[in-house]
Amino acid sequence: EKNSRPVYLETANIKNVHIYIKKGFKIYNKW
């Protein structure tokens, strides 16, 4: 955030999706 650069992750656990949303992540694709 300090360096204005993006962060990525993947998860197959829907429960974790909500945790990551709270950290500022958004879903942008699905496999």
Full PDB file with SEQRES, HELIX, SHEET, SSBOND, CRYST1, ORIGX, SCALE, CONECT and MASTER records, all heavy atoms in Angstrom:
SEQRES   1 A   31  GLU LYS ASN SER ARG PRO VAL TYR LEU GLU THR ALA ASN          
SEQRES   2 A   31  ILE LYS ASN VAL HIS ILE TYR ILE LYS LYS GLY PHE LYS          
SEQRES   3 A   31  ILE TYR ASN LYS TRP                                          
HELIX    1 AA1 ILE A   14  LYS A   22  1                                   9    
CRYST1    1.000    1.000    1.000  90.00  90.00  90.00 P 1           1          
ORIGX1      1.000000  0.000000  0.000000        0.00000                         
ORIGX2      0.000000  1.000000  0.000000        0.00000                         
ORIGX3      0.000000  0.000000  1.000000        0.00000                         
SCALE1      1.000000  0.000000  0.000000        0.00000                         
SCALE2      0.000000  1.000000  0.000000        0.00000                         
SCALE3      0.000000  0.000000  1.000000        0.00000                         
ATOM      1  N   GLU A   1       0.840  -1.205   0.000  1.00  0.00           N  
ATOM      2  CA  GLU A   1       0.000   0.000   0.000  1.00  0.00           C  
ATOM      3  C   GLU A   1       0.876   1.257   0.000  1.00  0.00           C  
ATOM      4  O   GLU A   1       0.597   2.222  -0.715  1.00  0.00           O  
ATOM      5  CB  GLU A   1      -0.922   0.001   1.229  1.00  0.00           C  
ATOM      6  CG  GLU A   1      -1.880   1.177   1.241  1.00  0.00           C  
ATOM      7  CD  GLU A   1      -2.910   1.083   2.355  1.00  0.00           C  
ATOM      8  OE1 GLU A   1      -2.855   0.114   3.146  1.00  0.00           O  
ATOM      9  OE2 GLU A   1      -3.774   1.981   2.434  1.00  0.00           O  
ATOM     10  N   LYS A   2       1.940   1.219   0.778  1.00  0.00           N  
ATOM     11  CA  LYS A   2       2.878   2.352   0.832  1.00  0.00           C  
ATOM     12  C   LYS A   2       3.506   2.613  -0.531  1.00  0.00           C  
ATOM     13  O   LYS A   2       3.720   3.758  -0.926  1.00  0.00           O  
ATOM     14  CB  LYS A   2       3.956   2.058   1.869  1.00  0.00           C  
ATOM     15  CG  LYS A   2       4.980   3.177   2.036  1.00  0.00           C  
ATOM     16  CD  LYS A   2       6.011   2.800   3.089  1.00  0.00           C  
ATOM     17  CE  LYS A   2       7.064   3.888   3.236  1.00  0.00           C  
ATOM     18  NZ  LYS A   2       8.092   3.519   4.246  1.00  0.00           N  
ATOM     19  N   ASN A   3       3.796   1.537  -1.255  1.00  0.00           N  
ATOM     20  CA  ASN A   3       4.444   1.667  -2.568  1.00  0.00           C  
ATOM     21  C   ASN A   3       3.463   1.651  -3.735  1.00  0.00           C  
ATOM     22  O   ASN A   3       3.882   1.620  -4.903  1.00  0.00           O  
ATOM     23  CB  ASN A   3       5.456   0.534  -2.747  1.00  0.00           C  
ATOM     24  CG  ASN A   3       6.620   0.646  -1.770  1.00  0.00           C  
ATOM     25  OD1 ASN A   3       7.174   1.719  -1.577  1.00  0.00           O  
ATOM     26  ND2 ASN A   3       6.981  -0.457  -1.134  1.00  0.00           N  
ATOM     27  N   SER A   4       2.160   1.667  -3.422  1.00  0.00           N  
ATOM     28  CA  SER A   4       1.102   1.698  -4.435  1.00  0.00           C  
ATOM     29  C   SER A   4       1.218   0.544  -5.427  1.00  0.00           C  
ATOM     30  O   SER A   4       1.189   0.739  -6.651  1.00  0.00           O  
ATOM     31  CB  SER A   4       1.115   3.043  -5.178  1.00  0.00           C  
ATOM     32  OG  SER A   4       0.890   4.105  -4.290  1.00  0.00           O  
ATOM     33  N   ARG A   5       1.346  -0.672  -4.885  1.00  0.00           N  
ATOM     34  CA  ARG A   5       1.475  -1.858  -5.731  1.00  0.00           C  
ATOM     35  C   ARG A   5       0.413  -2.888  -5.348  1.00  0.00           C  
ATOM     36  O   ARG A   5      -0.014  -2.958  -4.193  1.00  0.00           O  
ATOM     37  CB  ARG A   5       2.876  -2.444  -5.599  1.00  0.00           C  
ATOM     38  CG  ARG A   5       3.928  -1.540  -6.236  1.00  0.00           C  
ATOM     39  CD  ARG A   5       5.328  -1.984  -5.930  1.00  0.00           C  
ATOM     40  NE  ARG A   5       6.292  -1.060  -6.549  1.00  0.00           N  
ATOM     41  CZ  ARG A   5       7.555  -0.962  -6.169  1.00  0.00           C  
ATOM     42  NH1 ARG A   5       8.019  -1.719  -5.192  1.00  0.00           N  
ATOM     43  NH2 ARG A   5       8.364  -0.107  -6.779  1.00  0.00           N  
ATOM     44  N   PRO A   6      -0.013  -3.708  -6.305  1.00  0.00           N  
ATOM     45  CA  PRO A   6      -1.107  -4.649  -6.057  1.00  0.00           C  
ATOM     46  C   PRO A   6      -0.655  -5.938  -5.360  1.00  0.00           C  
ATOM     47  O   PRO A   6       0.519  -6.311  -5.386  1.00  0.00           O  
ATOM     48  CB  PRO A   6      -1.622  -4.967  -7.461  1.00  0.00           C  
ATOM     49  CG  PRO A   6      -0.395  -4.839  -8.323  1.00  0.00           C  
ATOM     50  CD  PRO A   6       0.413  -3.729  -7.718  1.00  0.00           C  
ATOM     51  N   VAL A   7      -1.639  -6.599  -4.749  1.00  0.00           N  
ATOM     52  CA  VAL A   7      -1.421  -7.869  -4.067  1.00  0.00           C  
ATOM     53  C   VAL A   7      -2.474  -8.853  -4.575  1.00  0.00           C  
ATOM     54  O   VAL A   7      -3.642  -8.492  -4.737  1.00  0.00           O  
ATOM     55  CB  VAL A   7      -1.546  -7.718  -2.533  1.00  0.00           C  
ATOM     56  CG1 VAL A   7      -1.184  -9.023  -1.835  1.00  0.00           C  
ATOM     57  CG2 VAL A   7      -0.658  -6.585  -2.034  1.00  0.00           C  
ATOM     58  N   TYR A   8      -2.061 -10.102  -4.798  1.00  0.00           N  
ATOM     59  CA  TYR A   8      -2.942 -11.122  -5.365  1.00  0.00           C  
ATOM     60  C   TYR A   8      -2.995 -12.347  -4.463  1.00  0.00           C  
ATOM     61  O   TYR A   8      -2.060 -12.631  -3.709  1.00  0.00           O  
ATOM     62  CB  TYR A   8      -2.439 -11.545  -6.752  1.00  0.00           C  
ATOM     63  CG  TYR A   8      -2.480 -10.441  -7.770  1.00  0.00           C  
ATOM     64  CD1 TYR A   8      -1.459  -9.490  -7.836  1.00  0.00           C  
ATOM     65  CD2 TYR A   8      -3.539 -10.325  -8.664  1.00  0.00           C  
ATOM     66  CE1 TYR A   8      -1.493  -8.454  -8.764  1.00  0.00           C  
ATOM     67  CE2 TYR A   8      -3.582  -9.304  -9.595  1.00  0.00           C  
ATOM     68  CZ  TYR A   8      -2.568  -8.374  -9.641  1.00  0.00           C  
ATOM     69  OH  TYR A   8      -2.615  -7.355 -10.557  1.00  0.00           O  
ATOM     70  N   LEU A   9      -4.092 -13.098  -4.592  1.00  0.00           N  
ATOM     71  CA  LEU A   9      -4.199 -14.383  -3.904  1.00  0.00           C  
ATOM     72  C   LEU A   9      -5.287 -15.208  -4.575  1.00  0.00           C  
ATOM     73  O   LEU A   9      -6.085 -14.695  -5.363  1.00  0.00           O  
ATOM     74  CB  LEU A   9      -4.496 -14.194  -2.406  1.00  0.00           C  
ATOM     75  CG  LEU A   9      -5.807 -13.497  -1.980  1.00  0.00           C  
ATOM     76  CD1 LEU A   9      -6.989 -14.471  -1.968  1.00  0.00           C  
ATOM     77  CD2 LEU A   9      -5.653 -12.898  -0.595  1.00  0.00           C  
ATOM     78  N   GLU A  10      -5.296 -16.512  -4.242  1.00  0.00           N  
ATOM     79  CA  GLU A  10      -6.358 -17.408  -4.698  1.00  0.00           C  
ATOM     80  C   GLU A  10      -6.820 -18.244  -3.509  1.00  0.00           C  
ATOM     81  O   GLU A  10      -6.032 -18.563  -2.623  1.00  0.00           O  
ATOM     82  CB  GLU A  10      -5.863 -18.368  -5.793  1.00  0.00           C  
ATOM     83  CG  GLU A  10      -5.312 -17.708  -7.026  1.00  0.00           C  
ATOM     84  CD  GLU A  10      -3.839 -17.387  -6.879  1.00  0.00           C  
ATOM     85  OE1 GLU A  10      -3.069 -18.252  -6.424  1.00  0.00           O  
ATOM     86  OE2 GLU A  10      -3.470 -16.240  -7.191  1.00  0.00           O  
ATOM     87  N   THR A  11      -8.091 -18.605  -3.505  1.00  0.00           N  
ATOM     88  CA  THR A  11      -8.607 -19.493  -2.467  1.00  0.00           C  
ATOM     89  C   THR A  11      -9.767 -20.314  -3.020  1.00  0.00           C  
ATOM     90  O   THR A  11     -10.555 -19.824  -3.828  1.00  0.00           O  
ATOM     91  CB  THR A  11      -9.060 -18.706  -1.221  1.00  0.00           C  
ATOM     92  OG1 THR A  11      -9.530 -19.631  -0.234  1.00  0.00           O  
ATOM     93  CG2 THR A  11     -10.181 -17.721  -1.547  1.00  0.00           C  
ATOM     94  N   ALA A  12      -9.847 -21.559  -2.558  1.00  0.00           N  
ATOM     95  CA  ALA A  12     -10.967 -22.430  -2.928  1.00  0.00           C  
ATOM     96  C   ALA A  12     -11.961 -22.533  -1.783  1.00  0.00           C  
ATOM     97  O   ALA A  12     -12.942 -23.259  -1.874  1.00  0.00           O  
ATOM     98  CB  ALA A  12     -10.448 -23.817  -3.303  1.00  0.00           C  
ATOM     99  N   ASN A  13     -11.702 -21.788  -0.726  1.00  0.00           N  
ATOM    100  CA  ASN A  13     -12.553 -21.821   0.466  1.00  0.00           C  
ATOM    101  C   ASN A  13     -13.400 -20.553   0.529  1.00  0.00           C  
ATOM    102  O   ASN A  13     -12.875 -19.456   0.746  1.00  0.00           O  
ATOM    103  CB  ASN A  13     -11.684 -21.951   1.718  1.00  0.00           C  
ATOM    104  CG  ASN A  13     -12.490 -22.205   2.976  1.00  0.00           C  
ATOM    105  OD1 ASN A  13     -13.646 -21.809   3.085  1.00  0.00           O  
ATOM    106  ND2 ASN A  13     -11.882 -22.879   3.943  1.00  0.00           N  
ATOM    107  N   ILE A  14     -14.700 -20.701   0.352  1.00  0.00           N  
ATOM    108  CA  ILE A  14     -15.584 -19.526   0.336  1.00  0.00           C  
ATOM    109  C   ILE A  14     -15.561 -18.768   1.657  1.00  0.00           C  
ATOM    110  O   ILE A  14     -15.752 -17.554   1.687  1.00  0.00           O  
ATOM    111  CB  ILE A  14     -17.039 -19.946  -0.039  1.00  0.00           C  
ATOM    112  CG1 ILE A  14     -17.911 -18.713  -0.309  1.00  0.00           C  
ATOM    113  CG2 ILE A  14     -17.638 -20.830   1.029  1.00  0.00           C  
ATOM    114  CD1 ILE A  14     -17.477 -17.849  -1.460  1.00  0.00           C  
ATOM    115  N   LYS A  15     -15.315 -19.468   2.763  1.00  0.00           N  
ATOM    116  CA  LYS A  15     -15.229 -18.799   4.064  1.00  0.00           C  
ATOM    117  C   LYS A  15     -14.054 -17.815   4.085  1.00  0.00           C  
ATOM    118  O   LYS A  15     -14.145 -16.739   4.674  1.00  0.00           O  
ATOM    119  CB  LYS A  15     -15.070 -19.823   5.186  1.00  0.00           C  
ATOM    120  CG  LYS A  15     -16.305 -20.685   5.411  1.00  0.00           C  
ATOM    121  CD  LYS A  15     -16.081 -21.666   6.559  1.00  0.00           C  
ATOM    122  CE  LYS A  15     -17.317 -22.544   6.773  1.00  0.00           C  
ATOM    123  NZ  LYS A  15     -17.094 -23.524   7.873  1.00  0.00           N  
ATOM    124  N   ASN A  16     -12.961 -18.202   3.423  1.00  0.00           N  
ATOM    125  CA  ASN A  16     -11.791 -17.322   3.383  1.00  0.00           C  
ATOM    126  C   ASN A  16     -12.033 -16.089   2.525  1.00  0.00           C  
ATOM    127  O   ASN A  16     -11.428 -15.039   2.759  1.00  0.00           O  
ATOM    128  CB  ASN A  16     -10.576 -18.078   2.850  1.00  0.00           C  
ATOM    129  CG  ASN A  16     -10.070 -19.127   3.821  1.00  0.00           C  
ATOM    130  OD1 ASN A  16     -10.397 -19.103   5.001  1.00  0.00           O  
ATOM    131  ND2 ASN A  16      -9.284 -20.065   3.323  1.00  0.00           N  
ATOM    132  N   VAL A  17     -12.915 -16.214   1.529  1.00  0.00           N  
ATOM    133  CA  VAL A  17     -13.222 -15.073   0.667  1.00  0.00           C  
ATOM    134  C   VAL A  17     -13.696 -13.889   1.506  1.00  0.00           C  
ATOM    135  O   VAL A  17     -13.252 -12.748   1.310  1.00  0.00           O  
ATOM    136  CB  VAL A  17     -14.300 -15.445  -0.374  1.00  0.00           C  
ATOM    137  CG1 VAL A  17     -14.825 -14.192  -1.078  1.00  0.00           C  
ATOM    138  CG2 VAL A  17     -13.726 -16.418  -1.403  1.00  0.00           C  
ATOM    139  N   HIS A  18     -14.562 -14.148   2.463  1.00  0.00           N  
ATOM    140  CA  HIS A  18     -15.101 -13.069   3.299  1.00  0.00           C  
ATOM    141  C   HIS A  18     -14.011 -12.452   4.178  1.00  0.00           C  
ATOM    142  O   HIS A  18     -14.020 -11.241   4.441  1.00  0.00           O  
ATOM    143  CB  HIS A  18     -16.252 -13.600   4.150  1.00  0.00           C  
ATOM    144  CG  HIS A  18     -17.382 -14.172   3.332  1.00  0.00           C  
ATOM    145  ND1 HIS A  18     -18.125 -13.407   2.465  1.00  0.00           N  
ATOM    146  CD2 HIS A  18     -17.877 -15.434   3.230  1.00  0.00           C  
ATOM    147  CE1 HIS A  18     -19.037 -14.160   1.876  1.00  0.00           C  
ATOM    148  NE2 HIS A  18     -18.895 -15.394   2.316  1.00  0.00           N  
ATOM    149  N   ILE A  19     -13.068 -13.278   4.613  1.00  0.00           N  
ATOM    150  CA  ILE A  19     -11.951 -12.761   5.417  1.00  0.00           C  
ATOM    151  C   ILE A  19     -11.091 -11.828   4.576  1.00  0.00           C  
ATOM    152  O   ILE A  19     -10.710 -10.735   5.005  1.00  0.00           O  
ATOM    153  CB  ILE A  19     -11.096 -13.929   5.960  1.00  0.00           C  
ATOM    154  CG1 ILE A  19     -11.918 -14.770   6.952  1.00  0.00           C  
ATOM    155  CG2 ILE A  19      -9.825 -13.405   6.629  1.00  0.00           C  
ATOM    156  CD1 ILE A  19     -11.239 -16.044   7.395  1.00  0.00           C  
ATOM    157  N   TYR A  20     -10.824 -12.233   3.349  1.00  0.00           N  
ATOM    158  CA  TYR A  20      -9.971 -11.420   2.478  1.00  0.00           C  
ATOM    159  C   TYR A  20     -10.668 -10.139   2.036  1.00  0.00           C  
ATOM    160  O   TYR A  20     -10.018  -9.109   1.853  1.00  0.00           O  
ATOM    161  CB  TYR A  20      -9.546 -12.246   1.257  1.00  0.00           C  
ATOM    162  CG  TYR A  20      -8.662 -13.424   1.604  1.00  0.00           C  
ATOM    163  CD1 TYR A  20      -8.870 -14.679   1.023  1.00  0.00           C  
ATOM    164  CD2 TYR A  20      -7.620 -13.297   2.522  1.00  0.00           C  
ATOM    165  CE1 TYR A  20      -8.057 -15.763   1.341  1.00  0.00           C  
ATOM    166  CE2 TYR A  20      -6.811 -14.374   2.850  1.00  0.00           C  
ATOM    167  CZ  TYR A  20      -7.038 -15.606   2.258  1.00  0.00           C  
ATOM    168  OH  TYR A  20      -6.237 -16.666   2.578  1.00  0.00           O  
ATOM    169  N   ILE A  21     -11.975 -10.192   1.870  1.00  0.00           N  
ATOM    170  CA  ILE A  21     -12.725  -8.977   1.529  1.00  0.00           C  
ATOM    171  C   ILE A  21     -12.552  -7.923   2.630  1.00  0.00           C  
ATOM    172  O   ILE A  21     -12.391  -6.731   2.349  1.00  0.00           O  
ATOM    173  CB  ILE A  21     -14.212  -9.301   1.295  1.00  0.00           C  
ATOM    174  CG1 ILE A  21     -14.379 -10.037  -0.046  1.00  0.00           C  
ATOM    175  CG2 ILE A  21     -15.064  -8.033   1.307  1.00  0.00           C  
ATOM    176  CD1 ILE A  21     -15.785 -10.543  -0.316  1.00  0.00           C  
ATOM    177  N   LYS A  22     -12.537  -8.381   3.875  1.00  0.00           N  
ATOM    178  CA  LYS A  22     -12.334  -7.454   4.995  1.00  0.00           C  
ATOM    179  C   LYS A  22     -10.947  -6.819   4.975  1.00  0.00           C  
ATOM    180  O   LYS A  22     -10.745  -5.745   5.530  1.00  0.00           O  
ATOM    181  CB  LYS A  22     -12.550  -8.190   6.321  1.00  0.00           C  
ATOM    182  CG  LYS A  22     -14.003  -8.578   6.592  1.00  0.00           C  
ATOM    183  CD  LYS A  22     -14.132  -9.298   7.916  1.00  0.00           C  
ATOM    184  CE  LYS A  22     -15.578  -9.703   8.185  1.00  0.00           C  
ATOM    185  NZ  LYS A  22     -15.728 -10.446   9.473  1.00  0.00           N  
ATOM    186  N   LYS A  23     -10.007  -7.496   4.330  1.00  0.00           N  
ATOM    187  CA  LYS A  23      -8.649  -6.958   4.219  1.00  0.00           C  
ATOM    188  C   LYS A  23      -8.477  -6.083   2.978  1.00  0.00           C  
ATOM    189  O   LYS A  23      -7.384  -5.594   2.695  1.00  0.00           O  
ATOM    190  CB  LYS A  23      -7.633  -8.108   4.161  1.00  0.00           C  
ATOM    191  CG  LYS A  23      -7.618  -8.998   5.390  1.00  0.00           C  
ATOM    192  CD  LYS A  23      -7.123  -8.292   6.641  1.00  0.00           C  
ATOM    193  CE  LYS A  23      -5.651  -8.035   6.628  1.00  0.00           C  
ATOM    194  NZ  LYS A  23      -5.163  -7.463   7.904  1.00  0.00           N  
ATOM    195  N   GLY A  24      -9.569  -5.869   2.249  1.00  0.00           N  
ATOM    196  CA  GLY A  24      -9.523  -4.980   1.093  1.00  0.00           C  
ATOM    197  C   GLY A  24      -9.420  -5.660  -0.257  1.00  0.00           C  
ATOM    198  O   GLY A  24      -9.287  -4.994  -1.287  1.00  0.00           O  
ATOM    199  N   PHE A  25      -9.515  -7.002  -0.296  1.00  0.00           N  
ATOM    200  CA  PHE A  25      -9.440  -7.734  -1.558  1.00  0.00           C  
ATOM    201  C   PHE A  25     -10.811  -7.810  -2.225  1.00  0.00           C  
ATOM    202  O   PHE A  25     -11.839  -7.756  -1.559  1.00  0.00           O  
ATOM    203  CB  PHE A  25      -8.923  -9.157  -1.322  1.00  0.00           C  
ATOM    204  CG  PHE A  25      -7.457  -9.232  -1.021  1.00  0.00           C  
ATOM    205  CD1 PHE A  25      -6.992  -9.043   0.272  1.00  0.00           C  
ATOM    206  CD2 PHE A  25      -6.541  -9.493  -2.026  1.00  0.00           C  
ATOM    207  CE1 PHE A  25      -5.632  -9.113   0.560  1.00  0.00           C  
ATOM    208  CE2 PHE A  25      -5.189  -9.572  -1.754  1.00  0.00           C  
ATOM    209  CZ  PHE A  25      -4.736  -9.373  -0.452  1.00  0.00           C  
ATOM    210  N   LYS A  26     -10.792  -7.971  -3.545  1.00  0.00           N  
ATOM    211  CA  LYS A  26     -12.015  -8.151  -4.318  1.00  0.00           C  
ATOM    212  C   LYS A  26     -11.822  -9.308  -5.295  1.00  0.00           C  
ATOM    213  O   LYS A  26     -10.723  -9.513  -5.817  1.00  0.00           O  
ATOM    214  CB  LYS A  26     -12.360  -6.873  -5.093  1.00  0.00           C  
ATOM    215  CG  LYS A  26     -12.742  -5.698  -4.195  1.00  0.00           C  
ATOM    216  CD  LYS A  26     -13.094  -4.478  -5.037  1.00  0.00           C  
ATOM    217  CE  LYS A  26     -13.480  -3.308  -4.147  1.00  0.00           C  
ATOM    218  NZ  LYS A  26     -13.823  -2.094  -4.949  1.00  0.00           N  
ATOM    219  N   ILE A  27     -12.889 -10.066  -5.533  1.00  0.00           N  
ATOM    220  CA  ILE A  27     -12.848 -11.136  -6.527  1.00  0.00           C  
ATOM    221  C   ILE A  27     -12.831 -10.510  -7.919  1.00  0.00           C  
ATOM    222  O   ILE A  27     -13.626  -9.628  -8.220  1.00  0.00           O  
ATOM    223  CB  ILE A  27     -14.065 -12.063  -6.397  1.00  0.00           C  
ATOM    224  CG1 ILE A  27     -14.065 -12.778  -5.044  1.00  0.00           C  
ATOM    225  CG2 ILE A  27     -14.088 -13.088  -7.528  1.00  0.00           C  
ATOM    226  CD1 ILE A  27     -15.348 -13.555  -4.763  1.00  0.00           C  
ATOM    227  N   TYR A  28     -11.910 -10.960  -8.777  1.00  0.00           N  
ATOM    228  CA  TYR A  28     -11.879 -10.437 -10.144  1.00  0.00           C  
ATOM    229  C   TYR A  28     -11.926 -11.541 -11.197  1.00  0.00           C  
ATOM    230  O   TYR A  28     -12.085 -11.270 -12.383  1.00  0.00           O  
ATOM    231  CB  TYR A  28     -10.650  -9.548 -10.362  1.00  0.00           C  
ATOM    232  CG  TYR A  28      -9.338 -10.293 -10.348  1.00  0.00           C  
ATOM    233  CD1 TYR A  28      -8.714 -10.676 -11.533  1.00  0.00           C  
ATOM    234  CD2 TYR A  28      -8.711 -10.609  -9.145  1.00  0.00           C  
ATOM    235  CE1 TYR A  28      -7.513 -11.350 -11.527  1.00  0.00           C  
ATOM    236  CE2 TYR A  28      -7.498 -11.280  -9.131  1.00  0.00           C  
ATOM    237  CZ  TYR A  28      -6.910 -11.654 -10.309  1.00  0.00           C  
ATOM    238  OH  TYR A  28      -5.714 -12.328 -10.300  1.00  0.00           O  
ATOM    239  N   ASN A  29     -11.814 -12.804 -10.745  1.00  0.00           N  
ATOM    240  CA  ASN A  29     -11.925 -13.906 -11.694  1.00  0.00           C  
ATOM    241  C   ASN A  29     -12.146 -15.206 -10.933  1.00  0.00           C  
ATOM    242  O   ASN A  29     -11.952 -15.256  -9.709  1.00  0.00           O  
ATOM    243  CB  ASN A  29     -10.666 -14.026 -12.563  1.00  0.00           C  
ATOM    244  CG  ASN A  29     -10.948 -14.666 -13.919  1.00  0.00           C  
ATOM    245  OD1 ASN A  29     -12.029 -15.231 -14.138  1.00  0.00           O  
ATOM    246  ND2 ASN A  29     -10.002 -14.585 -14.831  1.00  0.00           N  
ATOM    247  N   LYS A  30     -12.557 -16.252 -11.652  1.00  0.00           N  
ATOM    248  CA  LYS A  30     -12.732 -17.571 -11.042  1.00  0.00           C  
ATOM    249  C   LYS A  30     -12.218 -18.630 -12.006  1.00  0.00           C  
ATOM    250  O   LYS A  30     -12.318 -18.484 -13.222  1.00  0.00           O  
ATOM    251  CB  LYS A  30     -14.205 -17.847 -10.717  1.00  0.00           C  
ATOM    252  CG  LYS A  30     -14.712 -17.149  -9.480  1.00  0.00           C  
ATOM    253  CD  LYS A  30     -16.004 -17.762  -8.955  1.00  0.00           C  
ATOM    254  CE  LYS A  30     -17.157 -17.590  -9.915  1.00  0.00           C  
ATOM    255  NZ  LYS A  30     -18.433 -18.075  -9.288  1.00  0.00           N  
ATOM    256  N   TRP A  31     -11.681 -19.688 -11.438  1.00  0.00           N  
ATOM    257  CA  TRP A  31     -11.253 -20.849 -12.211  1.00  0.00           C  
ATOM    258  C   TRP A  31     -12.110 -22.014 -11.759  1.00  0.00           C  
ATOM    259  O   TRP A  31     -12.058 -22.409 -10.591  1.00  0.00           O  
ATOM    260  CB  TRP A  31      -9.768 -21.119 -11.955  1.00  0.00           C  
ATOM    261  CG  TRP A  31      -9.139 -22.166 -12.826  1.00  0.00           C  
ATOM    262  CD1 TRP A  31      -8.767 -22.033 -14.128  1.00  0.00           C  
ATOM    263  CD2 TRP A  31      -8.764 -23.499 -12.451  1.00  0.00           C  
ATOM    264  NE1 TRP A  31      -8.185 -23.196 -14.591  1.00  0.00           N  
ATOM    265  CE2 TRP A  31      -8.161 -24.111 -13.578  1.00  0.00           C  
ATOM    266  CE3 TRP A  31      -8.874 -24.233 -11.267  1.00  0.00           C  
ATOM    267  CZ2 TRP A  31      -7.685 -25.416 -13.563  1.00  0.00           C  
ATOM    268  CZ3 TRP A  31      -8.395 -25.540 -11.246  1.00  0.00           C  
ATOM    269  CH2 TRP A  31      -7.806 -26.112 -12.382  1.00  0.00           C  
TER     270      TRP A  31                                                      
MASTER        0    0    0    1    0    0    0    6  269    1    0    3          
END                                                                             
